PDB file of N, CA and C in Angstrom:
ATOM      1  N   UNK A   1      -6.470 -45.489 -29.770  1.00  0.00           N
ATOM      2  CA  UNK A   1      -5.809 -44.937 -28.711  1.00  0.00           C
ATOM      3  C   UNK A   1      -5.253 -46.136 -28.056  1.00  0.00           C
ATOM      4  N   UNK A   2      -4.112 -45.857 -27.776  1.00  0.00           N
ATOM      5  CA  UNK A   2      -3.381 -46.774 -26.812  1.00  0.00           C
ATOM      6  C   UNK A   2      -3.434 -46.773 -25.430  1.00  0.00           C
ATOM      7  N   UNK A   3      -3.653 -48.096 -24.773  1.00  0.00           N
ATOM      8  CA  UNK A   3      -3.972 -48.010 -23.449  1.00  0.00           C
ATOM      9  C   UNK A   3      -3.020 -47.608 -22.935  1.00  0.00           C
ATOM     10  N   UNK A   4      -2.851 -47.270 -21.256  1.00  0.00           N
ATOM     11  CA  UNK A   4      -1.919 -47.257 -20.423  1.00  0.00           C
ATOM     12  C   UNK A   4      -1.184 -48.315 -19.870  1.00  0.00           C
ATOM     13  N   UNK A   5      -0.159 -48.463 -19.552  1.00  0.00           N
ATOM     14  CA  UNK A   5       0.479 -49.970 -19.378  1.00  0.00           C
ATOM     15  C   UNK A   5       0.026 -50.153 -18.182  1.00  0.00           C
ATOM     16  N   UNK A   6      -0.312 -51.605 -17.658  1.00  0.00           N
ATOM     17  CA  UNK A   6      -0.697 -51.818 -16.293  1.00  0.00           C
ATOM     18  C   UNK A   6       0.255 -51.537 -15.164  1.00  0.00           C
ATOM     19  N   UNK A   7       1.612 -51.418 -15.383  1.00  0.00           N
ATOM     20  CA  UNK A   7       2.511 -51.161 -14.646  1.00  0.00           C
ATOM     21  C   UNK A   7       2.377 -49.429 -14.205  1.00  0.00           C
ATOM     22  N   UNK A   8       1.659 -48.778 -15.228  1.00  0.00           N
ATOM     23  CA  UNK A   8       1.699 -47.221 -15.007  1.00  0.00           C
ATOM     24  C   UNK A   8       0.176 -47.059 -14.566  1.00  0.00           C
ATOM     25  N   UNK A   9      -0.553 -47.744 -14.354  1.00  0.00           N
ATOM     26  CA  UNK A   9      -2.154 -47.238 -14.179  1.00  0.00           C
ATOM     27  C   UNK A   9      -2.381 -47.191 -12.716  1.00  0.00           C
ATOM     28  N   UNK A  10      -3.224 -46.121 -12.581  1.00  0.00           N
ATOM     29  CA  UNK A  10      -3.408 -45.978 -11.273  1.00  0.00           C
ATOM     30  C   UNK A  10      -4.750 -46.306 -10.649  1.00  0.00           C
ATOM     31  N   UNK A  11      -4.986 -47.063  -9.228  1.00  0.00           N
ATOM     32  CA  UNK A  11      -5.920 -47.788  -9.028  1.00  0.00           C
ATOM     33  C   UNK A  11      -7.097 -47.004  -8.569  1.00  0.00           C
ATOM     34  N   UNK A  12      -7.870 -46.069  -9.427  1.00  0.00           N
ATOM     35  CA  UNK A  12      -8.915 -45.367  -8.764  1.00  0.00           C
ATOM     36  C   UNK A  12      -9.992 -45.353 -10.123  1.00  0.00           C
ATOM     37  N   UNK A  13     -11.178 -44.998  -9.529  1.00  0.00           N
ATOM     38  CA  UNK A  13     -12.402 -44.794 -10.452  1.00  0.00           C
ATOM     39  C   UNK A  13     -12.830 -43.593 -10.419  1.00  0.00           C
ATOM     40  N   UNK A  14     -12.844 -42.794 -11.414  1.00  0.00           N
ATOM     41  CA  UNK A  14     -13.467 -41.435 -11.806  1.00  0.00           C
ATOM     42  C   UNK A  14     -14.942 -41.569 -12.310  1.00  0.00           C
ATOM     43  N   UNK A  15     -15.761 -40.692 -11.536  1.00  0.00           N
ATOM     44  CA  UNK A  15     -16.992 -40.550 -11.845  1.00  0.00           C
ATOM     45  C   UNK A  15     -17.520 -39.185 -12.452  1.00  0.00           C
ATOM     46  N   UNK A  16     -17.925 -38.637 -13.572  1.00  0.00           N
ATOM     47  CA  UNK A  16     -18.294 -37.407 -13.924  1.00  0.00           C
ATOM     48  C   UNK A  16     -19.709 -37.343 -14.503  1.00  0.00           C
ATOM     49  N   UNK A  17     -20.200 -36.360 -13.918  1.00  0.00           N
ATOM     50  CA  UNK A  17     -21.928 -36.233 -14.347  1.00  0.00           C
ATOM     51  C   UNK A  17     -22.255 -34.878 -14.380  1.00  0.00           C
ATOM     52  N   UNK A  18     -23.021 -34.507 -15.281  1.00  0.00           N
ATOM     53  CA  UNK A  18     -23.568 -33.130 -15.068  1.00  0.00           C
ATOM     54  C   UNK A  18     -22.517 -31.873 -14.438  1.00  0.00           C
ATOM     55  N   UNK A  19     -21.406 -31.863 -14.720  1.00  0.00           N
ATOM     56  CA  UNK A  19     -20.664 -31.198 -14.241  1.00  0.00           C
ATOM     57  C   UNK A  19     -19.803 -31.142 -12.807  1.00  0.00           C
ATOM     58  N   UNK A  20     -20.232 -32.452 -12.313  1.00  0.00           N
ATOM     59  CA  UNK A  20     -19.635 -32.958 -10.863  1.00  0.00           C
ATOM     60  C   UNK A  20     -19.031 -34.010 -10.995  1.00  0.00           C
ATOM     61  N   UNK A  21     -17.916 -34.181 -10.271  1.00  0.00           N
ATOM     62  CA  UNK A  21     -17.051 -35.643 -10.602  1.00  0.00           C
ATOM     63  C   UNK A  21     -16.748 -35.959  -9.113  1.00  0.00           C
ATOM     64  N   UNK A  22     -16.297 -37.103  -9.041  1.00  0.00           N
ATOM     65  CA  UNK A  22     -15.780 -37.896  -7.865  1.00  0.00           C
ATOM     66  C   UNK A  22     -14.553 -38.647  -8.167  1.00  0.00           C
ATOM     67  N   UNK A  23     -13.610 -38.970  -7.361  1.00  0.00           N
ATOM     68  CA  UNK A  23     -12.617 -40.041  -7.601  1.00  0.00           C
ATOM     69  C   UNK A  23     -12.519 -40.674  -6.290  1.00  0.00           C
ATOM     70  N   UNK A  24     -12.319 -41.831  -6.741  1.00  0.00           N
ATOM     71  CA  UNK A  24     -12.171 -42.738  -5.029  1.00  0.00           C
ATOM     72  C   UNK A  24     -11.202 -44.076  -5.683  1.00  0.00           C
ATOM     73  N   UNK A  25     -10.186 -44.322  -4.717  1.00  0.00           N
ATOM     74  CA  UNK A  25      -9.344 -45.454  -4.999  1.00  0.00           C
ATOM     75  C   UNK A  25     -10.288 -46.958  -5.002  1.00  0.00           C
ATOM     76  N   UNK A  26      -9.782 -47.606  -5.769  1.00  0.00           N
ATOM     77  CA  UNK A  26     -10.329 -49.079  -6.195  1.00  0.00           C
ATOM     78  C   UNK A  26     -10.151 -49.855  -5.097  1.00  0.00           C
ATOM     79  N   UNK A  27      -9.004 -50.043  -4.422  1.00  0.00           N
ATOM     80  CA  UNK A  27      -8.639 -50.868  -3.318  1.00  0.00           C
ATOM     81  C   UNK A  27      -8.614 -50.241  -1.668  1.00  0.00           C
ATOM     82  N   UNK A  28      -8.363 -48.799  -1.778  1.00  0.00           N
ATOM     83  CA  UNK A  28      -8.376 -48.292  -0.575  1.00  0.00           C
ATOM     84  C   UNK A  28      -8.451 -46.795  -1.193  1.00  0.00           C
ATOM     85  N   UNK A  29      -8.718 -45.917   0.201  1.00  0.00           N
ATOM     86  CA  UNK A  29      -8.693 -44.507   0.075  1.00  0.00           C
ATOM     87  C   UNK A  29      -7.222 -44.046  -0.829  1.00  0.00           C
ATOM     88  N   UNK A  30      -7.252 -43.262  -1.566  1.00  0.00           N
ATOM     89  CA  UNK A  30      -6.025 -42.569  -2.118  1.00  0.00           C
ATOM     90  C   UNK A  30      -5.218 -41.974  -1.199  1.00  0.00           C
ATOM     91  N   UNK A  31      -3.963 -41.916  -0.922  1.00  0.00           N
ATOM     92  CA  UNK A  31      -3.175 -41.135  -0.186  1.00  0.00           C
ATOM     93  C   UNK A  31      -2.423 -40.004  -1.234  1.00  0.00           C
ATOM     94  N   UNK A  32      -1.843 -39.151  -0.654  1.00  0.00           N
ATOM     95  CA  UNK A  32      -1.080 -38.282  -1.260  1.00  0.00           C
ATOM     96  C   UNK A  32      -0.251 -38.710  -2.676  1.00  0.00           C
ATOM     97  N   UNK A  33       0.161 -39.814  -2.375  1.00  0.00           N
ATOM     98  CA  UNK A  33       0.887 -40.592  -3.629  1.00  0.00           C
ATOM     99  C   UNK A  33       0.165 -40.946  -4.399  1.00  0.00           C
ATOM    100  N   UNK A  34      -0.969 -41.406  -4.236  1.00  0.00           N
ATOM    101  CA  UNK A  34      -2.034 -42.108  -4.932  1.00  0.00           C
ATOM    102  C   UNK A  34      -2.986 -41.061  -5.798  1.00  0.00           C
ATOM    103  N   UNK A  35      -3.133 -39.742  -4.913  1.00  0.00           N
ATOM    104  CA  UNK A  35      -3.646 -38.512  -6.171  1.00  0.00           C
ATOM    105  C   UNK A  35      -2.834 -38.030  -6.930  1.00  0.00           C
ATOM    106  N   UNK A  36      -1.459 -37.944  -6.595  1.00  0.00           N
ATOM    107  CA  UNK A  36      -0.833 -37.613  -7.571  1.00  0.00           C
ATOM    108  C   UNK A  36      -0.635 -38.354  -8.870  1.00  0.00           C
ATOM    109  N   UNK A  37      -0.602 -39.770  -8.317  1.00  0.00           N
ATOM    110  CA  UNK A  37      -0.551 -40.922  -9.814  1.00  0.00           C
ATOM    111  C   UNK A  37      -2.126 -40.477 -10.536  1.00  0.00           C
ATOM    112  N   UNK A  38      -2.945 -40.491  -9.663  1.00  0.00           N
ATOM    113  CA  UNK A  38      -4.522 -40.328 -10.831  1.00  0.00           C
ATOM    114  C   UNK A  38      -4.157 -38.967 -11.208  1.00  0.00           C
ATOM    115  N   UNK A  39      -3.694 -37.844 -10.883  1.00  0.00           N
ATOM    116  CA  UNK A  39      -3.451 -36.623 -11.387  1.00  0.00           C
ATOM    117  C   UNK A  39      -2.720 -36.720 -12.815  1.00  0.00           C
ATOM    118  N   UNK A  40      -1.500 -37.273 -12.514  1.00  0.00           N
ATOM    119  CA  UNK A  40      -0.746 -37.627 -13.633  1.00  0.00           C
ATOM    120  C   UNK A  40      -1.571 -38.543 -15.082  1.00  0.00           C
ATOM    121  N   UNK A  41      -2.376 -39.539 -14.403  1.00  0.00           N
ATOM    122  CA  UNK A  41      -2.906 -40.634 -15.443  1.00  0.00           C
ATOM    123  C   UNK A  41      -4.167 -39.444 -15.909  1.00  0.00           C
ATOM    124  N   UNK A  42      -4.767 -38.654 -15.455  1.00  0.00           N
ATOM    125  CA  UNK A  42      -5.803 -37.941 -15.574  1.00  0.00           C
ATOM    126  C   UNK A  42      -5.099 -36.984 -16.978  1.00  0.00           C
ATOM    127  N   UNK A  43      -4.210 -36.670 -16.834  1.00  0.00           N
ATOM    128  CA  UNK A  43      -3.181 -35.462 -17.513  1.00  0.00           C
ATOM    129  C   UNK A  43      -2.981 -36.207 -18.838  1.00  0.00           C
ATOM    130  N   UNK A  44      -2.692 -37.308 -18.995  1.00  0.00           N
ATOM    131  CA  UNK A  44      -2.235 -38.372 -19.909  1.00  0.00           C
ATOM    132  C   UNK A  44      -3.422 -38.811 -20.749  1.00  0.00           C
ATOM    133  N   UNK A  45      -4.504 -39.042 -19.860  1.00  0.00           N
ATOM    134  CA  UNK A  45      -5.914 -39.196 -20.644  1.00  0.00           C
ATOM    135  C   UNK A  45      -6.248 -37.890 -21.461  1.00  0.00           C
ATOM    136  N   UNK A  46      -6.233 -36.547 -20.956  1.00  0.00           N
ATOM    137  CA  UNK A  46      -6.737 -35.479 -21.484  1.00  0.00           C
ATOM    138  C   UNK A  46      -5.916 -35.215 -22.804  1.00  0.00           C
ATOM    139  N   UNK A  47      -4.364 -35.485 -22.800  1.00  0.00           N
ATOM    140  CA  UNK A  47      -3.819 -35.199 -24.016  1.00  0.00           C
ATOM    141  C   UNK A  47      -4.384 -36.383 -24.913  1.00  0.00           C
ATOM    142  N   UNK A  48      -4.529 -37.242 -24.214  1.00  0.00           N
ATOM    143  CA  UNK A  48      -4.913 -38.531 -25.299  1.00  0.00           C
ATOM    144  C   UNK A  48      -6.384 -38.450 -26.044  1.00  0.00           C
ATOM    145  N   UNK A  49      -7.164 -37.589 -25.515  1.00  0.00           N
ATOM    146  CA  UNK A  49      -8.481 -37.140 -25.529  1.00  0.00           C
ATOM    147  C   UNK A  49      -8.467 -36.217 -26.523  1.00  0.00           C
ATOM    148  N   UNK A  50      -7.442 -35.222 -26.799  1.00  0.00           N
ATOM    149  CA  UNK A  50      -7.226 -33.930 -27.324  1.00  0.00           C
ATOM    150  C   UNK A  50      -7.005 -34.429 -28.870  1.00  0.00           C
ATOM    151  N   UNK A  51      -6.013 -35.433 -28.750  1.00  0.00           N
ATOM    152  CA  UNK A  51      -5.624 -35.923 -29.877  1.00  0.00           C
ATOM    153  C   UNK A  51      -6.665 -36.717 -30.819  1.00  0.00           C
ATOM    154  N   UNK A  52      -7.187 -37.496 -29.856  1.00  0.00           N
ATOM    155  CA  UNK A  52      -8.378 -38.134 -30.712  1.00  0.00           C
ATOM    156  C   UNK A  52      -9.358 -37.403 -31.046  1.00  0.00           C
ATOM    157  N   UNK A  53      -9.718 -36.285 -30.542  1.00  0.00           N
ATOM    158  CA  UNK A  53     -10.568 -35.133 -30.995  1.00  0.00           C
ATOM    159  C   UNK A  53     -10.033 -34.626 -32.210  1.00  0.00           C
ATOM    160  N   UNK A  54      -8.836 -34.304 -32.576  1.00  0.00           N
ATOM    161  CA  UNK A  54      -8.453 -33.689 -33.529  1.00  0.00           C
ATOM    162  C   UNK A  54      -8.484 -34.417 -34.972  1.00  0.00           C
ATOM    163  N   UNK A  55      -8.134 -35.881 -34.683  1.00  0.00           N
ATOM    164  CA  UNK A  55      -8.415 -36.764 -35.666  1.00  0.00           C
ATOM    165  C   UNK A  55      -9.551 -37.253 -35.875  1.00  0.00           C
ATOM    166  N   UNK A  56     -10.689 -37.247 -34.987  1.00  0.00           N
ATOM    167  CA  UNK A  56     -12.240 -37.128 -35.208  1.00  0.00           C
ATOM    168  C   UNK A  56     -12.714 -36.103 -36.032  1.00  0.00           C
ATOM    169  N   UNK A  57     -11.936 -34.942 -35.908  1.00  0.00           N
ATOM    170  CA  UNK A  57     -12.523 -33.703 -36.708  1.00  0.00           C
ATOM    171  C   UNK A  57     -11.674 -33.635 -38.060  1.00  0.00           C
ATOM    172  N   UNK A  58     -10.830 -34.503 -38.309  1.00  0.00           N
ATOM    173  CA  UNK A  58     -10.212 -34.684 -39.522  1.00  0.00           C
ATOM    174  C   UNK A  58      -9.279 -33.334 -39.480  1.00  0.00           C
ATOM    175  N   UNK A  59      -8.465 -32.965 -38.337  1.00  0.00           N
ATOM    176  CA  UNK A  59      -7.423 -32.137 -38.288  1.00  0.00           C
ATOM    177  C   UNK A  59      -6.037 -32.525 -37.938  1.00  0.00           C
ATOM    178  N   UNK A  60      -5.350 -31.834 -38.623  1.00  0.00           N
ATOM    179  CA  UNK A  60      -3.747 -32.727 -38.411  1.00  0.00           C
ATOM    180  C   UNK A  60      -3.396 -32.623 -37.166  1.00  0.00           C
ATOM    181  N   UNK A  61      -2.511 -33.720 -36.665  1.00  0.00           N
ATOM    182  CA  UNK A  61      -2.260 -33.876 -35.116  1.00  0.00           C
ATOM    183  C   UNK A  61      -1.599 -32.718 -34.680  1.00  0.00           C
ATOM    184  N   UNK A  62      -1.748 -32.509 -33.487  1.00  0.00           N
ATOM    185  CA  UNK A  62      -0.778 -31.400 -32.798  1.00  0.00           C
ATOM    186  C   UNK A  62      -0.548 -31.945 -31.532  1.00  0.00           C
ATOM    187  N   UNK A  63       0.179 -32.707 -31.468  1.00  0.00           N
ATOM    188  CA  UNK A  63       1.131 -33.489 -30.052  1.00  0.00           C
ATOM    189  C   UNK A  63       1.274 -32.348 -29.089  1.00  0.00           C
ATOM    190  N   UNK A  64       0.761 -32.855 -27.848  1.00  0.00           N
ATOM    191  CA  UNK A  64       1.113 -31.926 -26.469  1.00  0.00           C
ATOM    192  C   UNK A  64       2.530 -32.215 -26.453  1.00  0.00           C
ATOM    193  N   UNK A  65       3.465 -31.458 -26.357  1.00  0.00           N
ATOM    194  CA  UNK A  65       5.046 -31.650 -26.276  1.00  0.00           C
ATOM    195  C   UNK A  65       5.369 -31.408 -24.604  1.00  0.00           C
ATOM    196  N   UNK A  66       4.574 -30.511 -24.249  1.00  0.00           N
ATOM    197  CA  UNK A  66       5.048 -30.120 -22.462  1.00  0.00           C
ATOM    198  C   UNK A  66       3.747 -29.241 -22.168  1.00  0.00           C
ATOM    199  N   UNK A  67       3.605 -29.136 -20.857  1.00  0.00           N
ATOM    200  CA  UNK A  67       2.630 -28.677 -20.055  1.00  0.00           C
ATOM    201  C   UNK A  67       3.395 -28.256 -18.638  1.00  0.00           C
ATOM    202  N   UNK A  68       2.960 -26.965 -18.325  1.00  0.00           N
ATOM    203  CA  UNK A  68       3.558 -26.145 -17.343  1.00  0.00           C
ATOM    204  C   UNK A  68       2.525 -25.400 -16.386  1.00  0.00           C
ATOM    205  N   UNK A  69       2.300 -25.724 -15.147  1.00  0.00           N
ATOM    206  CA  UNK A  69       1.325 -25.181 -14.187  1.00  0.00           C
ATOM    207  C   UNK A  69       2.150 -24.414 -13.238  1.00  0.00           C
ATOM    208  N   UNK A  70       1.396 -23.255 -13.069  1.00  0.00           N
ATOM    209  CA  UNK A  70       2.043 -22.167 -12.183  1.00  0.00           C
ATOM    210  C   UNK A  70       1.095 -22.356 -11.148  1.00  0.00           C
ATOM    211  N   UNK A  71       1.565 -22.645  -9.870  1.00  0.00           N
ATOM    212  CA  UNK A  71       0.567 -22.423  -8.176  1.00  0.00           C
ATOM    213  C   UNK A  71       0.885 -21.132  -7.923  1.00  0.00           C
ATOM    214  N   UNK A  72      -0.278 -21.063  -6.863  1.00  0.00           N
ATOM    215  CA  UNK A  72      -0.522 -19.500  -6.390  1.00  0.00           C
ATOM    216  C   UNK A  72       0.917 -19.260  -5.691  1.00  0.00           C
ATOM    217  N   UNK A  73       1.496 -20.353  -4.899  1.00  0.00           N
ATOM    218  CA  UNK A  73       2.860 -20.004  -4.191  1.00  0.00           C
ATOM    219  C   UNK A  73       3.869 -19.724  -5.213  1.00  0.00           C
ATOM    220  N   UNK A  74       3.829 -19.556  -6.138  1.00  0.00           N
ATOM    221  CA  UNK A  74       5.004 -19.453  -7.264  1.00  0.00           C
ATOM    222  C   UNK A  74       5.682 -20.927  -7.706  1.00  0.00           C
ATOM    223  N   UNK A  75       5.520 -22.111  -7.265  1.00  0.00           N
ATOM    224  CA  UNK A  75       5.945 -23.046  -7.524  1.00  0.00           C
ATOM    225  C   UNK A  75       5.429 -23.416  -8.837  1.00  0.00           C
ATOM    226  N   UNK A  76       6.116 -24.365  -9.754  1.00  0.00           N
ATOM    227  CA  UNK A  76       5.395 -24.701 -10.901  1.00  0.00           C
ATOM    228  C   UNK A  76       6.225 -26.504 -10.988  1.00  0.00           C
ATOM    229  N   UNK A  77       4.698 -26.939 -11.548  1.00  0.00           N
ATOM    230  CA  UNK A  77       4.818 -28.447 -11.923  1.00  0.00           C
ATOM    231  C   UNK A  77       5.260 -28.326 -13.651  1.00  0.00           C
ATOM    232  N   UNK A  78       5.839 -29.475 -14.277  1.00  0.00           N
ATOM    233  CA  UNK A  78       5.943 -29.435 -15.536  1.00  0.00           C
ATOM    234  C   UNK A  78       6.068 -30.804 -16.123  1.00  0.00           C
ATOM    235  N   UNK A  79       5.452 -31.046 -17.008  1.00  0.00           N
ATOM    236  CA  UNK A  79       5.900 -32.529 -17.819  1.00  0.00           C
ATOM    237  C   UNK A  79       6.311 -32.293 -19.321  1.00  0.00           C
ATOM    238  N   UNK A  80       7.238 -32.749 -19.511  1.00  0.00           N
ATOM    239  CA  UNK A  80       7.751 -32.813 -20.808  1.00  0.00           C
ATOM    240  C   UNK A  80       7.560 -34.220 -21.690  1.00  0.00           C
ATOM    241  N   UNK A  81       7.157 -33.979 -22.832  1.00  0.00           N
ATOM    242  CA  UNK A  81       6.977 -35.419 -23.686  1.00  0.00           C
ATOM    243  C   UNK A  81       8.198 -36.086 -23.543  1.00  0.00           C
ATOM    244  N   UNK A  82       8.126 -37.590 -23.450  1.00  0.00           N
ATOM    245  CA  UNK A  82       9.522 -38.093 -23.651  1.00  0.00           C
ATOM    246  C   UNK A  82       9.860 -38.474 -24.968  1.00  0.00           C
ATOM    247  N   UNK A  83      11.160 -38.290 -25.039  1.00  0.00           N
ATOM    248  CA  UNK A  83      11.789 -38.517 -26.124  1.00  0.00           C
ATOM    249  C   UNK A  83      12.008 -37.233 -27.236  1.00  0.00           C
ATOM    250  N   UNK A  84      11.962 -36.096 -26.487  1.00  0.00           N
ATOM    251  CA  UNK A  84      12.041 -34.856 -27.372  1.00  0.00           C
ATOM    252  C   UNK A  84      13.499 -34.748 -27.505  1.00  0.00           C
ATOM    253  N   UNK A  85      13.389 -34.218 -28.955  1.00  0.00           N
ATOM    254  CA  UNK A  85      15.040 -33.759 -29.395  1.00  0.00           C
ATOM    255  C   UNK A  85      15.141 -32.314 -29.198  1.00  0.00           C
ATOM    256  N   UNK A  86      16.604 -31.957 -29.849  1.00  0.00           N
ATOM    257  CA  UNK A  86      16.793 -30.476 -29.763  1.00  0.00           C
ATOM    258  C   UNK A  86      15.665 -29.479 -30.110  1.00  0.00           C
ATOM    259  N   UNK A  87      15.479 -29.772 -31.410  1.00  0.00           N
ATOM    260  CA  UNK A  87      14.200 -29.092 -31.878  1.00  0.00           C
ATOM    261  C   UNK A  87      13.041 -28.653 -31.090  1.00  0.00           C
ATOM    262  N   UNK A  88      12.723 -30.064 -30.444  1.00  0.00           N
ATOM    263  CA  UNK A  88      11.217 -29.936 -29.618  1.00  0.00           C
ATOM    264  C   UNK A  88      11.691 -29.184 -28.472  1.00  0.00           C
ATOM    265  N   UNK A  89      12.687 -29.076 -27.930  1.00  0.00           N
ATOM    266  CA  UNK A  89      13.396 -28.325 -26.934  1.00  0.00           C
ATOM    267  C   UNK A  89      12.984 -27.079 -26.999  1.00  0.00           C
ATOM    268  N   UNK A  90      13.485 -26.515 -28.523  1.00  0.00           N
ATOM    269  CA  UNK A  90      13.514 -25.220 -28.765  1.00  0.00           C
ATOM    270  C   UNK A  90      12.131 -24.826 -29.145  1.00  0.00           C
ATOM    271  N   UNK A  91      11.197 -25.573 -29.504  1.00  0.00           N
ATOM    272  CA  UNK A  91       9.725 -24.977 -29.587  1.00  0.00           C
ATOM    273  C   UNK A  91       9.267 -24.849 -28.309  1.00  0.00           C
ATOM    274  N   UNK A  92       9.640 -25.865 -27.323  1.00  0.00           N
ATOM    275  CA  UNK A  92       9.249 -25.841 -25.909  1.00  0.00           C
ATOM    276  C   UNK A  92       9.219 -24.090 -25.272  1.00  0.00           C
ATOM    277  N   UNK A  93      10.730 -23.927 -25.470  1.00  0.00           N
ATOM    278  CA  UNK A  93      11.306 -22.834 -25.080  1.00  0.00           C
ATOM    279  C   UNK A  93      10.463 -21.618 -25.813  1.00  0.00           C
ATOM    280  N   UNK A  94      10.282 -21.720 -27.089  1.00  0.00           N
ATOM    281  CA  UNK A  94       9.423 -20.501 -27.871  1.00  0.00           C
ATOM    282  C   UNK A  94       7.978 -20.535 -27.179  1.00  0.00           C
ATOM    283  N   UNK A  95       7.480 -21.632 -27.016  1.00  0.00           N
ATOM    284  CA  UNK A  95       6.479 -21.292 -26.341  1.00  0.00           C
ATOM    285  C   UNK A  95       6.091 -20.816 -25.183  1.00  0.00           C
ATOM    286  N   UNK A  96       6.978 -21.174 -24.109  1.00  0.00           N
ATOM    287  CA  UNK A  96       7.362 -20.503 -22.803  1.00  0.00           C
ATOM    288  C   UNK A  96       7.330 -18.893 -22.902  1.00  0.00           C
ATOM    289  N   UNK A  97       8.361 -18.675 -23.851  1.00  0.00           N
ATOM    290  CA  UNK A  97       8.438 -16.820 -24.143  1.00  0.00           C
ATOM    291  C   UNK A  97       7.421 -16.350 -24.454  1.00  0.00           C
ATOM    292  N   UNK A  98       6.459 -17.045 -25.510  1.00  0.00           N
ATOM    293  CA  UNK A  98       5.554 -16.529 -26.312  1.00  0.00           C
ATOM    294  C   UNK A  98       4.133 -16.291 -24.644  1.00  0.00           C
ATOM    295  N   UNK A  99       4.364 -17.577 -23.854  1.00  0.00           N
ATOM    296  CA  UNK A  99       3.493 -17.383 -22.881  1.00  0.00           C
ATOM    297  C   UNK A  99       3.575 -16.228 -22.067  1.00  0.00           C
ATOM    298  N   UNK A 100       4.988 -16.077 -21.766  1.00  0.00           N
ATOM    299  CA  UNK A 100       5.509 -15.097 -20.629  1.00  0.00           C
ATOM    300  C   UNK A 100       5.390 -13.846 -21.498  1.00  0.00           C
ATOM    301  N   UNK A 101       5.250 -13.444 -22.534  1.00  0.00           N
ATOM    302  CA  UNK A 101       5.078 -12.217 -23.324  1.00  0.00           C
ATOM    303  C   UNK A 101       3.549 -11.923 -23.365  1.00  0.00           C
ATOM    304  N   UNK A 102       2.564 -12.769 -23.187  1.00  0.00           N
ATOM    305  CA  UNK A 102       1.097 -12.702 -23.216  1.00  0.00           C
ATOM    306  C   UNK A 102       0.680 -11.959 -22.165  1.00  0.00           C
ATOM    307  N   UNK A 103       1.689 -12.650 -21.071  1.00  0.00           N
ATOM    308  CA  UNK A 103       1.194 -12.164 -19.470  1.00  0.00           C
ATOM    309  C   UNK A 103       1.542 -10.631 -19.678  1.00  0.00           C
ATOM    310  N   UNK A 104       2.990 -10.120 -20.055  1.00  0.00           N
ATOM    311  CA  UNK A 104       3.637  -8.863 -20.128  1.00  0.00           C
ATOM    312  C   UNK A 104       2.519  -7.977 -20.424  1.00  0.00           C
ATOM    313  N   UNK A 105       1.977  -8.464 -21.825  1.00  0.00           N
ATOM    314  CA  UNK A 105       0.877  -7.706 -22.647  1.00  0.00           C
ATOM    315  C   UNK A 105      -0.448  -7.424 -21.918  1.00  0.00           C
ATOM    316  N   UNK A 106      -0.598  -8.405 -21.003  1.00  0.00           N
ATOM    317  CA  UNK A 106      -2.140  -8.455 -20.247  1.00  0.00           C
ATOM    318  C   UNK A 106      -2.983  -9.122 -20.975  1.00  0.00           C
ATOM    319  N   UNK A 107      -2.364 -10.364 -22.028  1.00  0.00           N
ATOM    320  CA  UNK A 107      -3.445 -11.011 -22.595  1.00  0.00           C
ATOM    321  C   UNK A 107      -3.588 -12.339 -22.046  1.00  0.00           C
TER     322      UNK A 107
END
């Protein structure tokens, strides 16, 4: 697993035990920008852990190419893997169409 470059790391400590978690800044309390940076870092960690789990299970790699989060107010956050080509963008668009279709079907 490749560590996050120091210039992109977020200054926080995450503690998780028995279904509970806490997050705190290492130097000072996290402000809104610090919380967003921590959330971005945690999503990177989650993607890397899933890839590692697939490798440990002897399963083929299934790299995450995009994530979308729909908020209650209708806003959307998204992340696209860096360096995606036209084929990858088509895969993302197809995945979004499938997701929307499953909502229409009630699934």
